[in-house]
């Protein structure tokens, strides 16, 4: 790309895992429909997983499909705002533990296979 030209990849939606804290329980009802509709101008939210403490919903993890610019605009709009008396906090989340465990197990098996094939060729 020419210097100063817009980056084409910046306009391609990417998937992000988002952590949302301080979300009112009603927002997570009905499959998270209130959250999905509120974030729709910025991207698509799905795979919403409510997080519970001992009694109440405390937040959620969800996948968010958006361009980097839309993600940034969404964070600027909602991070720290009040929604139904709760202060929202948004952050990029870590990869889910079970997903990471499965990925690392497959990587380990691949390395074992490579080592076995290498040893067999000797």
PDB file of N, CA and C in Angstrom:
ATOM      1  N   UNK A   1       0.843  -1.184   0.000  1.00  0.00           N
ATOM      2  CA  UNK A   1       0.000   0.000   0.000  1.00  0.00           C
ATOM      3  C   UNK A   1       0.881   1.238   0.000  1.00  0.00           C
ATOM      4  N   UNK A   2       0.370   2.261  -0.619  1.00  0.00           N
ATOM      5  CA  UNK A   2       1.105   3.518  -0.690  1.00  0.00           C
ATOM      6  C   UNK A   2       1.116   4.180   0.685  1.00  0.00           C
ATOM      7  N   UNK A   3       2.210   4.929   0.988  1.00  0.00           N
ATOM      8  CA  UNK A   3       2.234   5.636   2.268  1.00  0.00           C
ATOM      9  C   UNK A   3       1.044   6.578   2.389  1.00  0.00           C
ATOM     10  N   UNK A   4       0.399   6.552   3.541  1.00  0.00           N
ATOM     11  CA  UNK A   4      -0.744   7.413   3.778  1.00  0.00           C
ATOM     12  C   UNK A   4      -2.062   6.834   3.281  1.00  0.00           C
ATOM     13  N   UNK A   5      -1.996   5.705   2.542  1.00  0.00           N
ATOM     14  CA  UNK A   5      -3.220   5.074   2.053  1.00  0.00           C
ATOM     15  C   UNK A   5      -3.905   4.353   3.203  1.00  0.00           C
ATOM     16  N   UNK A   6      -5.232   4.303   3.200  1.00  0.00           N
ATOM     17  CA  UNK A   6      -5.922   3.611   4.276  1.00  0.00           C
ATOM     18  C   UNK A   6      -5.602   2.118   4.261  1.00  0.00           C
ATOM     19  N   UNK A   7      -5.516   1.527   5.432  1.00  0.00           N
ATOM     20  CA  UNK A   7      -5.233   0.113   5.580  1.00  0.00           C
ATOM     21  C   UNK A   7      -6.516  -0.666   5.309  1.00  0.00           C
ATOM     22  N   UNK A   8      -6.512  -1.507   4.262  1.00  0.00           N
ATOM     23  CA  UNK A   8      -7.712  -2.253   3.884  1.00  0.00           C
ATOM     24  C   UNK A   8      -8.149  -3.207   4.991  1.00  0.00           C
ATOM     25  N   UNK A   9      -7.200  -3.771   5.747  1.00  0.00           N
ATOM     26  CA  UNK A   9      -7.563  -4.725   6.796  1.00  0.00           C
ATOM     27  C   UNK A   9      -8.297  -4.049   7.951  1.00  0.00           C
ATOM     28  N   UNK A  10      -8.156  -2.734   8.078  1.00  0.00           N
ATOM     29  CA  UNK A  10      -8.830  -2.013   9.161  1.00  0.00           C
ATOM     30  C   UNK A  10     -10.336  -1.980   8.955  1.00  0.00           C
ATOM     31  N   UNK A  11     -10.802  -2.188   7.717  1.00  0.00           N
ATOM     32  CA  UNK A  11     -12.239  -2.149   7.452  1.00  0.00           C
ATOM     33  C   UNK A  11     -12.864  -3.540   7.461  1.00  0.00           C
ATOM     34  N   UNK A  12     -12.073  -4.576   7.714  1.00  0.00           N
ATOM     35  CA  UNK A  12     -12.583  -5.944   7.757  1.00  0.00           C
ATOM     36  C   UNK A  12     -12.944  -6.285   9.197  1.00  0.00           C
ATOM     37  N   UNK A  13     -14.201  -6.702   9.440  1.00  0.00           N
ATOM     38  CA  UNK A  13     -14.576  -7.071  10.807  1.00  0.00           C
ATOM     39  C   UNK A  13     -13.740  -8.240  11.324  1.00  0.00           C
ATOM     40  N   UNK A  14     -13.377  -8.161  12.586  1.00  0.00           N
ATOM     41  CA  UNK A  14     -12.636  -9.214  13.257  1.00  0.00           C
ATOM     42  C   UNK A  14     -13.446  -9.675  14.456  1.00  0.00           C
ATOM     43  N   UNK A  15     -13.095 -10.851  14.975  1.00  0.00           N
ATOM     44  CA  UNK A  15     -13.794 -11.343  16.162  1.00  0.00           C
ATOM     45  C   UNK A  15     -12.945 -11.050  17.392  1.00  0.00           C
ATOM     46  N   UNK A  16     -13.596 -10.478  18.388  1.00  0.00           N
ATOM     47  CA  UNK A  16     -12.958 -10.169  19.665  1.00  0.00           C
ATOM     48  C   UNK A  16     -13.754 -10.858  20.769  1.00  0.00           C
ATOM     49  N   UNK A  17     -13.082 -11.268  21.812  1.00  0.00           N
ATOM     50  CA  UNK A  17     -13.749 -11.776  23.009  1.00  0.00           C
ATOM     51  C   UNK A  17     -13.771 -10.619  23.995  1.00  0.00           C
ATOM     52  N   UNK A  18     -14.949 -10.253  24.472  1.00  0.00           N
ATOM     53  CA  UNK A  18     -15.121  -9.077  25.331  1.00  0.00           C
ATOM     54  C   UNK A  18     -15.559  -9.510  26.723  1.00  0.00           C
ATOM     55  N   UNK A  19     -15.011  -8.846  27.731  1.00  0.00           N
ATOM     56  CA  UNK A  19     -15.455  -8.993  29.109  1.00  0.00           C
ATOM     57  C   UNK A  19     -16.235  -7.734  29.454  1.00  0.00           C
ATOM     58  N   UNK A  20     -17.446  -7.912  29.948  1.00  0.00           N
ATOM     59  CA  UNK A  20     -18.301  -6.798  30.335  1.00  0.00           C
ATOM     60  C   UNK A  20     -18.670  -6.974  31.797  1.00  0.00           C
ATOM     61  N   UNK A  21     -18.322  -6.007  32.623  1.00  0.00           N
ATOM     62  CA  UNK A  21     -18.627  -6.051  34.060  1.00  0.00           C
ATOM     63  C   UNK A  21     -19.630  -4.952  34.379  1.00  0.00           C
ATOM     64  N   UNK A  22     -20.444  -5.197  35.411  1.00  0.00           N
ATOM     65  CA  UNK A  22     -21.409  -4.198  35.848  1.00  0.00           C
ATOM     66  C   UNK A  22     -22.663  -4.171  35.004  1.00  0.00           C
ATOM     67  N   UNK A  23     -22.903  -5.247  34.298  1.00  0.00           N
ATOM     68  CA  UNK A  23     -24.079  -5.297  33.438  1.00  0.00           C
ATOM     69  C   UNK A  23     -25.302  -5.658  34.285  1.00  0.00           C
ATOM     70  N   UNK A  24     -26.385  -4.916  34.155  1.00  0.00           N
ATOM     71  CA  UNK A  24     -27.602  -5.247  34.914  1.00  0.00           C
ATOM     72  C   UNK A  24     -28.137  -6.615  34.497  1.00  0.00           C
ATOM     73  N   UNK A  25     -28.646  -7.411  35.439  1.00  0.00           N
ATOM     74  CA  UNK A  25     -29.144  -8.752  35.104  1.00  0.00           C
ATOM     75  C   UNK A  25     -30.183  -8.761  33.987  1.00  0.00           C
ATOM     76  N   UNK A  26     -31.041  -7.743  33.914  1.00  0.00           N
ATOM     77  CA  UNK A  26     -32.070  -7.706  32.870  1.00  0.00           C
ATOM     78  C   UNK A  26     -31.467  -7.663  31.471  1.00  0.00           C
ATOM     79  N   UNK A  27     -30.250  -7.138  31.357  1.00  0.00           N
ATOM     80  CA  UNK A  27     -29.584  -7.034  30.066  1.00  0.00           C
ATOM     81  C   UNK A  27     -29.204  -8.417  29.539  1.00  0.00           C
ATOM     82  N   UNK A  28     -29.013  -9.360  30.442  1.00  0.00           N
ATOM     83  CA  UNK A  28     -28.607 -10.702  30.039  1.00  0.00           C
ATOM     84  C   UNK A  28     -29.802 -11.633  29.853  1.00  0.00           C
ATOM     85  N   UNK A  29     -31.000 -11.139  30.159  1.00  0.00           N
ATOM     86  CA  UNK A  29     -32.186 -11.961  29.963  1.00  0.00           C
ATOM     87  C   UNK A  29     -32.479 -12.076  28.469  1.00  0.00           C
ATOM     88  N   UNK A  30     -33.314 -13.030  28.136  1.00  0.00           N
ATOM     89  CA  UNK A  30     -33.745 -13.220  26.746  1.00  0.00           C
ATOM     90  C   UNK A  30     -32.553 -13.384  25.807  1.00  0.00           C
ATOM     91  N   UNK A  31     -31.550 -14.159  26.254  1.00  0.00           N
ATOM     92  CA  UNK A  31     -30.385 -14.417  25.408  1.00  0.00           C
ATOM     93  C   UNK A  31     -29.492 -13.216  25.190  1.00  0.00           C
ATOM     94  N   UNK A  32     -29.634 -12.208  26.021  1.00  0.00           N
ATOM     95  CA  UNK A  32     -28.813 -11.009  25.876  1.00  0.00           C
ATOM     96  C   UNK A  32     -29.335 -10.046  24.829  1.00  0.00           C
ATOM     97  N   UNK A  33     -30.609 -10.182  24.454  1.00  0.00           N
ATOM     98  CA  UNK A  33     -31.179  -9.323  23.401  1.00  0.00           C
ATOM     99  C   UNK A  33     -30.973  -7.832  23.654  1.00  0.00           C
ATOM    100  N   UNK A  34     -31.151  -7.326  24.894  1.00  0.00           N
ATOM    101  CA  UNK A  34     -30.907  -5.888  25.107  1.00  0.00           C
ATOM    102  C   UNK A  34     -29.454  -5.489  24.819  1.00  0.00           C
ATOM    103  N   UNK A  35     -28.520  -6.348  25.189  1.00  0.00           N
ATOM    104  CA  UNK A  35     -27.105  -6.069  24.929  1.00  0.00           C
ATOM    105  C   UNK A  35     -26.821  -6.115  23.431  1.00  0.00           C
ATOM    106  N   UNK A  36     -27.345  -7.131  22.759  1.00  0.00           N
ATOM    107  CA  UNK A  36     -27.129  -7.278  21.317  1.00  0.00           C
ATOM    108  C   UNK A  36     -27.647  -6.054  20.571  1.00  0.00           C
ATOM    109  N   UNK A  37     -28.851  -5.593  20.919  1.00  0.00           N
ATOM    110  CA  UNK A  37     -29.416  -4.440  20.204  1.00  0.00           C
ATOM    111  C   UNK A  37     -28.662  -3.150  20.518  1.00  0.00           C
ATOM    112  N   UNK A  38     -28.194  -3.002  21.748  1.00  0.00           N
ATOM    113  CA  UNK A  38     -27.471  -1.784  22.108  1.00  0.00           C
ATOM    114  C   UNK A  38     -26.119  -1.700  21.384  1.00  0.00           C
ATOM    115  N   UNK A  39     -25.466  -2.844  21.183  1.00  0.00           N
ATOM    116  CA  UNK A  39     -24.150  -2.848  20.546  1.00  0.00           C
ATOM    117  C   UNK A  39     -24.220  -2.967  19.021  1.00  0.00           C
ATOM    118  N   UNK A  40     -25.414  -3.211  18.474  1.00  0.00           N
ATOM    119  CA  UNK A  40     -25.573  -3.440  17.034  1.00  0.00           C
ATOM    120  C   UNK A  40     -24.983  -2.349  16.138  1.00  0.00           C
ATOM    121  N   UNK A  41     -25.044  -1.059  16.497  1.00  0.00           N
ATOM    122  CA  UNK A  41     -24.436  -0.053  15.608  1.00  0.00           C
ATOM    123  C   UNK A  41     -22.913  -0.207  15.473  1.00  0.00           C
ATOM    124  N   UNK A  42     -22.297  -0.922  16.384  1.00  0.00           N
ATOM    125  CA  UNK A  42     -20.839  -1.058  16.382  1.00  0.00           C
ATOM    126  C   UNK A  42     -20.364  -2.411  15.854  1.00  0.00           C
ATOM    127  N   UNK A  43     -21.216  -3.422  15.945  1.00  0.00           N
ATOM    128  CA  UNK A  43     -20.828  -4.757  15.510  1.00  0.00           C
ATOM    129  C   UNK A  43     -21.859  -5.770  15.966  1.00  0.00           C
ATOM    130  N   UNK A  44     -21.510  -7.040  15.822  1.00  0.00           N
ATOM    131  CA  UNK A  44     -22.429  -8.124  16.165  1.00  0.00           C
ATOM    132  C   UNK A  44     -21.930  -8.858  17.401  1.00  0.00           C
ATOM    133  N   UNK A  45     -22.777  -8.908  18.427  1.00  0.00           N
ATOM    134  CA  UNK A  45     -22.463  -9.630  19.661  1.00  0.00           C
ATOM    135  C   UNK A  45     -23.167 -10.981  19.631  1.00  0.00           C
ATOM    136  N   UNK A  46     -22.438 -12.040  19.986  1.00  0.00           N
ATOM    137  CA  UNK A  46     -23.046 -13.364  20.111  1.00  0.00           C
ATOM    138  C   UNK A  46     -22.257 -14.200  21.110  1.00  0.00           C
ATOM    139  N   UNK A  47     -22.715 -15.412  21.333  1.00  0.00           N
ATOM    140  CA  UNK A  47     -22.089 -16.329  22.309  1.00  0.00           C
ATOM    141  C   UNK A  47     -21.954 -15.658  23.675  1.00  0.00           C
ATOM    142  N   UNK A  48     -23.035 -15.050  24.139  1.00  0.00           N
ATOM    143  CA  UNK A  48     -23.017 -14.339  25.417  1.00  0.00           C
ATOM    144  C   UNK A  48     -23.048 -15.343  26.563  1.00  0.00           C
ATOM    145  N   UNK A  49     -22.057 -15.264  27.437  1.00  0.00           N
ATOM    146  CA  UNK A  49     -21.958 -16.150  28.597  1.00  0.00           C
ATOM    147  C   UNK A  49     -22.046 -15.307  29.856  1.00  0.00           C
ATOM    148  N   UNK A  50     -23.175 -15.375  30.576  1.00  0.00           N
ATOM    149  CA  UNK A  50     -23.296 -14.612  31.828  1.00  0.00           C
ATOM    150  C   UNK A  50     -22.316 -15.135  32.878  1.00  0.00           C
ATOM    151  N   UNK A  51     -21.791 -14.231  33.674  1.00  0.00           N
ATOM    152  CA  UNK A  51     -20.902 -14.586  34.777  1.00  0.00           C
ATOM    153  C   UNK A  51     -21.655 -14.342  36.078  1.00  0.00           C
ATOM    154  N   UNK A  52     -21.615 -15.316  36.957  1.00  0.00           N
ATOM    155  CA  UNK A  52     -22.348 -15.228  38.217  1.00  0.00           C
ATOM    156  C   UNK A  52     -21.391 -15.198  39.389  1.00  0.00           C
ATOM    157  N   UNK A  53     -21.738 -14.379  40.406  1.00  0.00           N
ATOM    158  CA  UNK A  53     -21.084 -14.576  41.692  1.00  0.00           C
ATOM    159  C   UNK A  53     -21.992 -15.558  42.432  1.00  0.00           C
ATOM    160  N   UNK A  54     -22.020 -15.551  43.694  1.00  0.00           N
ATOM    161  CA  UNK A  54     -22.831 -16.543  44.408  1.00  0.00           C
ATOM    162  C   UNK A  54     -24.329 -16.352  44.220  1.00  0.00           C
ATOM    163  N   UNK A  55     -24.747 -15.125  43.947  1.00  0.00           N
ATOM    164  CA  UNK A  55     -26.178 -14.844  43.885  1.00  0.00           C
ATOM    165  C   UNK A  55     -26.579 -14.097  42.612  1.00  0.00           C
ATOM    166  N   UNK A  56     -25.762 -13.179  42.158  1.00  0.00           N
ATOM    167  CA  UNK A  56     -26.155 -12.258  41.091  1.00  0.00           C
ATOM    168  C   UNK A  56     -25.268 -12.405  39.863  1.00  0.00           C
ATOM    169  N   UNK A  57     -25.827 -11.935  38.743  1.00  0.00           N
ATOM    170  CA  UNK A  57     -24.997 -11.770  37.554  1.00  0.00           C
ATOM    171  C   UNK A  57     -24.027 -10.631  37.823  1.00  0.00           C
ATOM    172  N   UNK A  58     -22.781 -10.831  37.477  1.00  0.00           N
ATOM    173  CA  UNK A  58     -21.790  -9.785  37.684  1.00  0.00           C
ATOM    174  C   UNK A  58     -21.241  -9.253  36.368  1.00  0.00           C
ATOM    175  N   UNK A  59     -21.517  -9.956  35.308  1.00  0.00           N
ATOM    176  CA  UNK A  59     -20.998  -9.535  34.021  1.00  0.00           C
ATOM    177  C   UNK A  59     -21.226 -10.607  32.988  1.00  0.00           C
ATOM    178  N   UNK A  60     -20.472 -10.494  31.890  1.00  0.00           N
ATOM    179  CA  UNK A  60     -20.619 -11.454  30.807  1.00  0.00           C
ATOM    180  C   UNK A  60     -19.362 -11.449  29.954  1.00  0.00           C
ATOM    181  N   UNK A  61     -19.155 -12.558  29.294  1.00  0.00           N
ATOM    182  CA  UNK A  61     -18.197 -12.654  28.197  1.00  0.00           C
ATOM    183  C   UNK A  61     -19.025 -12.811  26.932  1.00  0.00           C
ATOM    184  N   UNK A  62     -18.560 -12.241  25.842  1.00  0.00           N
ATOM    185  CA  UNK A  62     -19.247 -12.447  24.569  1.00  0.00           C
ATOM    186  C   UNK A  62     -18.280 -12.219  23.426  1.00  0.00           C
ATOM    187  N   UNK A  63     -18.621 -12.809  22.287  1.00  0.00           N
ATOM    188  CA  UNK A  63     -17.859 -12.583  21.062  1.00  0.00           C
ATOM    189  C   UNK A  63     -18.436 -11.353  20.389  1.00  0.00           C
ATOM    190  N   UNK A  64     -17.549 -10.523  19.867  1.00  0.00           N
ATOM    191  CA  UNK A  64     -17.973  -9.287  19.216  1.00  0.00           C
ATOM    192  C   UNK A  64     -17.267  -9.200  17.881  1.00  0.00           C
ATOM    193  N   UNK A  65     -18.048  -9.083  16.828  1.00  0.00           N
ATOM    194  CA  UNK A  65     -17.518  -9.013  15.465  1.00  0.00           C
ATOM    195  C   UNK A  65     -17.616  -7.562  15.007  1.00  0.00           C
ATOM    196  N   UNK A  66     -16.462  -6.921  14.843  1.00  0.00           N
ATOM    197  CA  UNK A  66     -16.445  -5.504  14.485  1.00  0.00           C
ATOM    198  C   UNK A  66     -15.096  -5.149  13.875  1.00  0.00           C
ATOM    199  N   UNK A  67     -15.075  -4.008  13.213  1.00  0.00           N
ATOM    200  CA  UNK A  67     -13.795  -3.482  12.741  1.00  0.00           C
ATOM    201  C   UNK A  67     -13.061  -2.891  13.948  1.00  0.00           C
ATOM    202  N   UNK A  68     -11.743  -2.742  13.869  1.00  0.00           N
ATOM    203  CA  UNK A  68     -11.023  -2.124  14.985  1.00  0.00           C
ATOM    204  C   UNK A  68     -11.557  -0.734  15.335  1.00  0.00           C
ATOM    205  N   UNK A  69     -11.954   0.048  14.320  1.00  0.00           N
ATOM    206  CA  UNK A  69     -12.471   1.389  14.576  1.00  0.00           C
ATOM    207  C   UNK A  69     -13.803   1.331  15.322  1.00  0.00           C
ATOM    208  N   UNK A  70     -14.688   0.431  14.899  1.00  0.00           N
ATOM    209  CA  UNK A  70     -15.987   0.293  15.562  1.00  0.00           C
ATOM    210  C   UNK A  70     -15.819  -0.231  16.982  1.00  0.00           C
ATOM    211  N   UNK A  71     -14.881  -1.145  17.187  1.00  0.00           N
ATOM    212  CA  UNK A  71     -14.616  -1.650  18.538  1.00  0.00           C
ATOM    213  C   UNK A  71     -14.158  -0.510  19.439  1.00  0.00           C
ATOM    214  N   UNK A  72     -13.238   0.293  18.952  1.00  0.00           N
ATOM    215  CA  UNK A  72     -12.738   1.429  19.722  1.00  0.00           C
ATOM    216  C   UNK A  72     -13.865   2.412  20.038  1.00  0.00           C
ATOM    217  N   UNK A  73     -14.706   2.696  19.051  1.00  0.00           N
ATOM    218  CA  UNK A  73     -15.828   3.615  19.260  1.00  0.00           C
ATOM    219  C   UNK A  73     -16.809   3.049  20.288  1.00  0.00           C
ATOM    220  N   UNK A  74     -17.045   1.749  20.247  1.00  0.00           N
ATOM    221  CA  UNK A  74     -17.946   1.096  21.207  1.00  0.00           C
ATOM    222  C   UNK A  74     -17.389   1.210  22.621  1.00  0.00           C
ATOM    223  N   UNK A  75     -16.087   0.936  22.778  1.00  0.00           N
ATOM    224  CA  UNK A  75     -15.458   1.051  24.090  1.00  0.00           C
ATOM    225  C   UNK A  75     -15.550   2.494  24.597  1.00  0.00           C
ATOM    226  N   UNK A  76     -15.283   3.460  23.722  1.00  0.00           N
ATOM    227  CA  UNK A  76     -15.349   4.864  24.130  1.00  0.00           C
ATOM    228  C   UNK A  76     -16.758   5.253  24.543  1.00  0.00           C
ATOM    229  N   UNK A  77     -17.753   4.730  23.856  1.00  0.00           N
ATOM    230  CA  UNK A  77     -19.153   5.069  24.147  1.00  0.00           C
ATOM    231  C   UNK A  77     -19.628   4.443  25.463  1.00  0.00           C
ATOM    232  N   UNK A  78     -19.326   3.162  25.686  1.00  0.00           N
ATOM    233  CA  UNK A  78     -19.953   2.440  26.796  1.00  0.00           C
ATOM    234  C   UNK A  78     -19.076   2.182  28.005  1.00  0.00           C
ATOM    235  N   UNK A  79     -17.773   2.169  27.870  1.00  0.00           N
ATOM    236  CA  UNK A  79     -16.913   1.893  29.025  1.00  0.00           C
ATOM    237  C   UNK A  79     -17.017   3.042  30.028  1.00  0.00           C
ATOM    238  N   UNK A  80     -17.508   2.727  31.233  1.00  0.00           N
ATOM    239  CA  UNK A  80     -17.649   3.735  32.271  1.00  0.00           C
ATOM    240  C   UNK A  80     -19.003   4.421  32.305  1.00  0.00           C
ATOM    241  N   UNK A  81     -19.887   4.082  31.368  1.00  0.00           N
ATOM    242  CA  UNK A  81     -21.216   4.698  31.385  1.00  0.00           C
ATOM    243  C   UNK A  81     -22.139   3.956  32.354  1.00  0.00           C
ATOM    244  N   UNK A  82     -23.213   4.599  32.705  1.00  0.00           N
ATOM    245  CA  UNK A  82     -24.205   4.031  33.617  1.00  0.00           C
ATOM    246  C   UNK A  82     -25.336   3.438  32.777  1.00  0.00           C
ATOM    247  N   UNK A  83     -25.682   2.189  33.066  1.00  0.00           N
ATOM    248  CA  UNK A  83     -26.799   1.534  32.399  1.00  0.00           C
ATOM    249  C   UNK A  83     -27.646   0.886  33.488  1.00  0.00           C
ATOM    250  N   UNK A  84     -28.863   1.334  33.637  1.00  0.00           N
ATOM    251  CA  UNK A  84     -29.805   0.829  34.647  1.00  0.00           C
ATOM    252  C   UNK A  84     -29.172   0.848  36.035  1.00  0.00           C
ATOM    253  N   UNK A  85     -28.472   1.939  36.334  1.00  0.00           N
ATOM    254  CA  UNK A  85     -27.879   2.110  37.660  1.00  0.00           C
ATOM    255  C   UNK A  85     -26.557   1.405  37.876  1.00  0.00           C
ATOM    256  N   UNK A  86     -26.032   0.750  36.867  1.00  0.00           N
ATOM    257  CA  UNK A  86     -24.758   0.025  36.974  1.00  0.00           C
ATOM    258  C   UNK A  86     -23.712   0.702  36.092  1.00  0.00           C
ATOM    259  N   UNK A  87     -22.471   0.760  36.578  1.00  0.00           N
ATOM    260  CA  UNK A  87     -21.377   1.299  35.772  1.00  0.00           C
ATOM    261  C   UNK A  87     -20.770   0.164  34.953  1.00  0.00           C
ATOM    262  N   UNK A  88     -20.809   0.325  33.633  1.00  0.00           N
ATOM    263  CA  UNK A  88     -20.278  -0.698  32.741  1.00  0.00           C
ATOM    264  C   UNK A  88     -18.767  -0.581  32.628  1.00  0.00           C
ATOM    265  N   UNK A  89     -18.109  -1.718  32.579  1.00  0.00           N
ATOM    266  CA  UNK A  89     -16.670  -1.794  32.309  1.00  0.00           C
ATOM    267  C   UNK A  89     -16.474  -2.819  31.213  1.00  0.00           C
ATOM    268  N   UNK A  90     -15.818  -2.410  30.143  1.00  0.00           N
ATOM    269  CA  UNK A  90     -15.562  -3.302  29.012  1.00  0.00           C
ATOM    270  C   UNK A  90     -14.064  -3.458  28.835  1.00  0.00           C
ATOM    271  N   UNK A  91     -13.653  -4.665  28.481  1.00  0.00           N
ATOM    272  CA  UNK A  91     -12.243  -4.929  28.211  1.00  0.00           C
ATOM    273  C   UNK A  91     -12.142  -6.121  27.267  1.00  0.00           C
ATOM    274  N   UNK A  92     -11.031  -6.199  26.566  1.00  0.00           N
ATOM    275  CA  UNK A  92     -10.780  -7.406  25.786  1.00  0.00           C
ATOM    276  C   UNK A  92     -10.528  -8.544  26.764  1.00  0.00           C
ATOM    277  N   UNK A  93     -11.141  -9.675  26.509  1.00  0.00           N
ATOM    278  CA  UNK A  93     -11.038 -10.823  27.409  1.00  0.00           C
ATOM    279  C   UNK A  93      -9.949 -11.775  26.922  1.00  0.00           C
ATOM    280  N   UNK A  94      -9.475 -12.595  27.835  1.00  0.00           N
ATOM    281  CA  UNK A  94      -8.545 -13.660  27.475  1.00  0.00           C
ATOM    282  C   UNK A  94      -9.308 -14.758  26.752  1.00  0.00           C
ATOM    283  N   UNK A  95      -8.584 -15.584  26.053  1.00  0.00           N
ATOM    284  CA  UNK A  95      -9.163 -16.743  25.399  1.00  0.00           C
ATOM    285  C   UNK A  95      -9.804 -17.642  26.466  1.00  0.00           C
ATOM    286  N   UNK A  96     -10.995 -18.195  26.207  1.00  0.00           N
ATOM    287  CA  UNK A  96     -11.612 -19.075  27.203  1.00  0.00           C
ATOM    288  C   UNK A  96     -10.679 -20.234  27.566  1.00  0.00           C
ATOM    289  N   UNK A  97     -10.681 -20.589  28.852  1.00  0.00           N
ATOM    290  CA  UNK A  97      -9.753 -21.598  29.358  1.00  0.00           C
ATOM    291  C   UNK A  97      -9.859 -22.922  28.608  1.00  0.00           C
ATOM    292  N   UNK A  98     -11.064 -23.419  28.399  1.00  0.00           N
ATOM    293  CA  UNK A  98     -11.215 -24.716  27.731  1.00  0.00           C
ATOM    294  C   UNK A  98     -10.779 -24.651  26.273  1.00  0.00           C
ATOM    295  N   UNK A  99     -10.999 -23.529  25.622  1.00  0.00           N
ATOM    296  CA  UNK A  99     -10.537 -23.348  24.242  1.00  0.00           C
ATOM    297  C   UNK A  99      -9.020 -23.359  24.201  1.00  0.00           C
ATOM    298  N   UNK A 100      -8.405 -22.642  25.136  1.00  0.00           N
ATOM    299  CA  UNK A 100      -6.936 -22.607  25.193  1.00  0.00           C
ATOM    300  C   UNK A 100      -6.376 -23.986  25.495  1.00  0.00           C
ATOM    301  N   UNK A 101      -7.005 -24.705  26.428  1.00  0.00           N
ATOM    302  CA  UNK A 101      -6.554 -26.042  26.788  1.00  0.00           C
ATOM    303  C   UNK A 101      -6.608 -26.979  25.578  1.00  0.00           C
ATOM    304  N   UNK A 102      -7.698 -26.932  24.826  1.00  0.00           N
ATOM    305  CA  UNK A 102      -7.823 -27.769  23.630  1.00  0.00           C
ATOM    306  C   UNK A 102      -6.768 -27.409  22.593  1.00  0.00           C
ATOM    307  N   UNK A 103      -6.556 -26.107  22.365  1.00  0.00           N
ATOM    308  CA  UNK A 103      -5.552 -25.669  21.384  1.00  0.00           C
ATOM    309  C   UNK A 103      -4.159 -26.115  21.797  1.00  0.00           C
ATOM    310  N   UNK A 104      -3.827 -25.922  23.078  1.00  0.00           N
ATOM    311  CA  UNK A 104      -2.501 -26.310  23.551  1.00  0.00           C
ATOM    312  C   UNK A 104      -2.307 -27.824  23.503  1.00  0.00           C
ATOM    313  N   UNK A 105      -3.360 -28.596  23.749  1.00  0.00           N
ATOM    314  CA  UNK A 105      -3.265 -30.059  23.664  1.00  0.00           C
ATOM    315  C   UNK A 105      -2.977 -30.493  22.234  1.00  0.00           C
ATOM    316  N   UNK A 106      -3.662 -29.866  21.271  1.00  0.00           N
ATOM    317  CA  UNK A 106      -3.411 -30.193  19.866  1.00  0.00           C
ATOM    318  C   UNK A 106      -1.997 -29.809  19.449  1.00  0.00           C
ATOM    319  N   UNK A 107      -1.525 -28.658  19.911  1.00  0.00           N
ATOM    320  CA  UNK A 107      -0.156 -28.244  19.600  1.00  0.00           C
ATOM    321  C   UNK A 107       0.850 -29.226  20.180  1.00  0.00           C
ATOM    322  N   UNK A 108       0.580 -29.701  21.395  1.00  0.00           N
ATOM    323  CA  UNK A 108       1.472 -30.665  22.039  1.00  0.00           C
ATOM    324  C   UNK A 108       1.478 -31.987  21.266  1.00  0.00           C
ATOM    325  N   UNK A 109       0.298 -32.458  20.848  1.00  0.00           N
ATOM    326  CA  UNK A 109       0.236 -33.691  20.058  1.00  0.00           C
ATOM    327  C   UNK A 109       0.984 -33.544  18.739  1.00  0.00           C
ATOM    328  N   UNK A 110       0.848 -32.386  18.095  1.00  0.00           N
ATOM    329  CA  UNK A 110       1.575 -32.143  16.849  1.00  0.00           C
ATOM    330  C   UNK A 110       3.080 -32.188  17.069  1.00  0.00           C
ATOM    331  N   UNK A 111       3.543 -31.602  18.171  1.00  0.00           N
ATOM    332  CA  UNK A 111       4.988 -31.626  18.435  1.00  0.00           C
ATOM    333  C   UNK A 111       5.460 -33.043  18.739  1.00  0.00           C
ATOM    334  N   UNK A 112       4.632 -33.836  19.426  1.00  0.00           N
ATOM    335  CA  UNK A 112       4.992 -35.235  19.688  1.00  0.00           C
ATOM    336  C   UNK A 112       5.053 -36.035  18.393  1.00  0.00           C
ATOM    337  N   UNK A 113       4.082 -35.814  17.499  1.00  0.00           N
ATOM    338  CA  UNK A 113       4.092 -36.501  16.198  1.00  0.00           C
ATOM    339  C   UNK A 113       5.334 -36.130  15.411  1.00  0.00           C
ATOM    340  N   UNK A 114       5.673 -34.849  15.393  1.00  0.00           N
ATOM    341  CA  UNK A 114       6.864 -34.394  14.665  1.00  0.00           C
ATOM    342  C   UNK A 114       8.119 -35.042  15.231  1.00  0.00           C
ATOM    343  N   UNK A 115       8.213 -35.082  16.554  1.00  0.00           N
ATOM    344  CA  UNK A 115       9.385 -35.696  17.182  1.00  0.00           C
ATOM    345  C   UNK A 115       9.434 -37.188  16.885  1.00  0.00           C
ATOM    346  N   UNK A 116       8.290 -37.855  16.876  1.00  0.00           N
ATOM    347  CA  UNK A 116       8.237 -39.284  16.585  1.00  0.00           C
ATOM    348  C   UNK A 116       8.657 -39.554  15.144  1.00  0.00           C
ATOM    349  N   UNK A 117       8.137 -38.753  14.200  1.00  0.00           N
ATOM    350  CA  UNK A 117       8.510 -38.924  12.795  1.00  0.00           C
ATOM    351  C   UNK A 117       9.991 -38.651  12.585  1.00  0.00           C
ATOM    352  N   UNK A 118      10.491 -37.632  13.256  1.00  0.00           N
ATOM    353  CA  UNK A 118      11.914 -37.302  13.152  1.00  0.00           C
ATOM    354  C   UNK A 118      12.774 -38.466  13.659  1.00  0.00           C
ATOM    355  N   UNK A 119      12.364 -39.045  14.773  1.00  0.00           N
ATOM    356  CA  UNK A 119      13.090 -40.167  15.366  1.00  0.00           C
ATOM    357  C   UNK A 119      12.996 -41.407  14.458  1.00  0.00           C
ATOM    358  N   UNK A 120      11.839 -41.627  13.834  1.00  0.00           N
ATOM    359  CA  UNK A 120      11.634 -42.805  12.970  1.00  0.00           C
ATOM    360  C   UNK A 120      12.474 -42.702  11.700  1.00  0.00           C
ATOM    361  N   UNK A 121      12.754 -41.495  11.235  1.00  0.00           N
ATOM    362  CA  UNK A 121      13.532 -41.314  10.008  1.00  0.00           C
ATOM    363  C   UNK A 121      15.010 -41.563  10.222  1.00  0.00           C
ATOM    364  N   UNK A 122      15.462 -41.624  11.448  1.00  0.00           N
ATOM    365  CA  UNK A 122      16.890 -41.829  11.711  1.00  0.00           C
ATOM    366  C   UNK A 122      17.277 -43.248  11.554  1.00  0.00           C
TER     367      UNK A 122
END
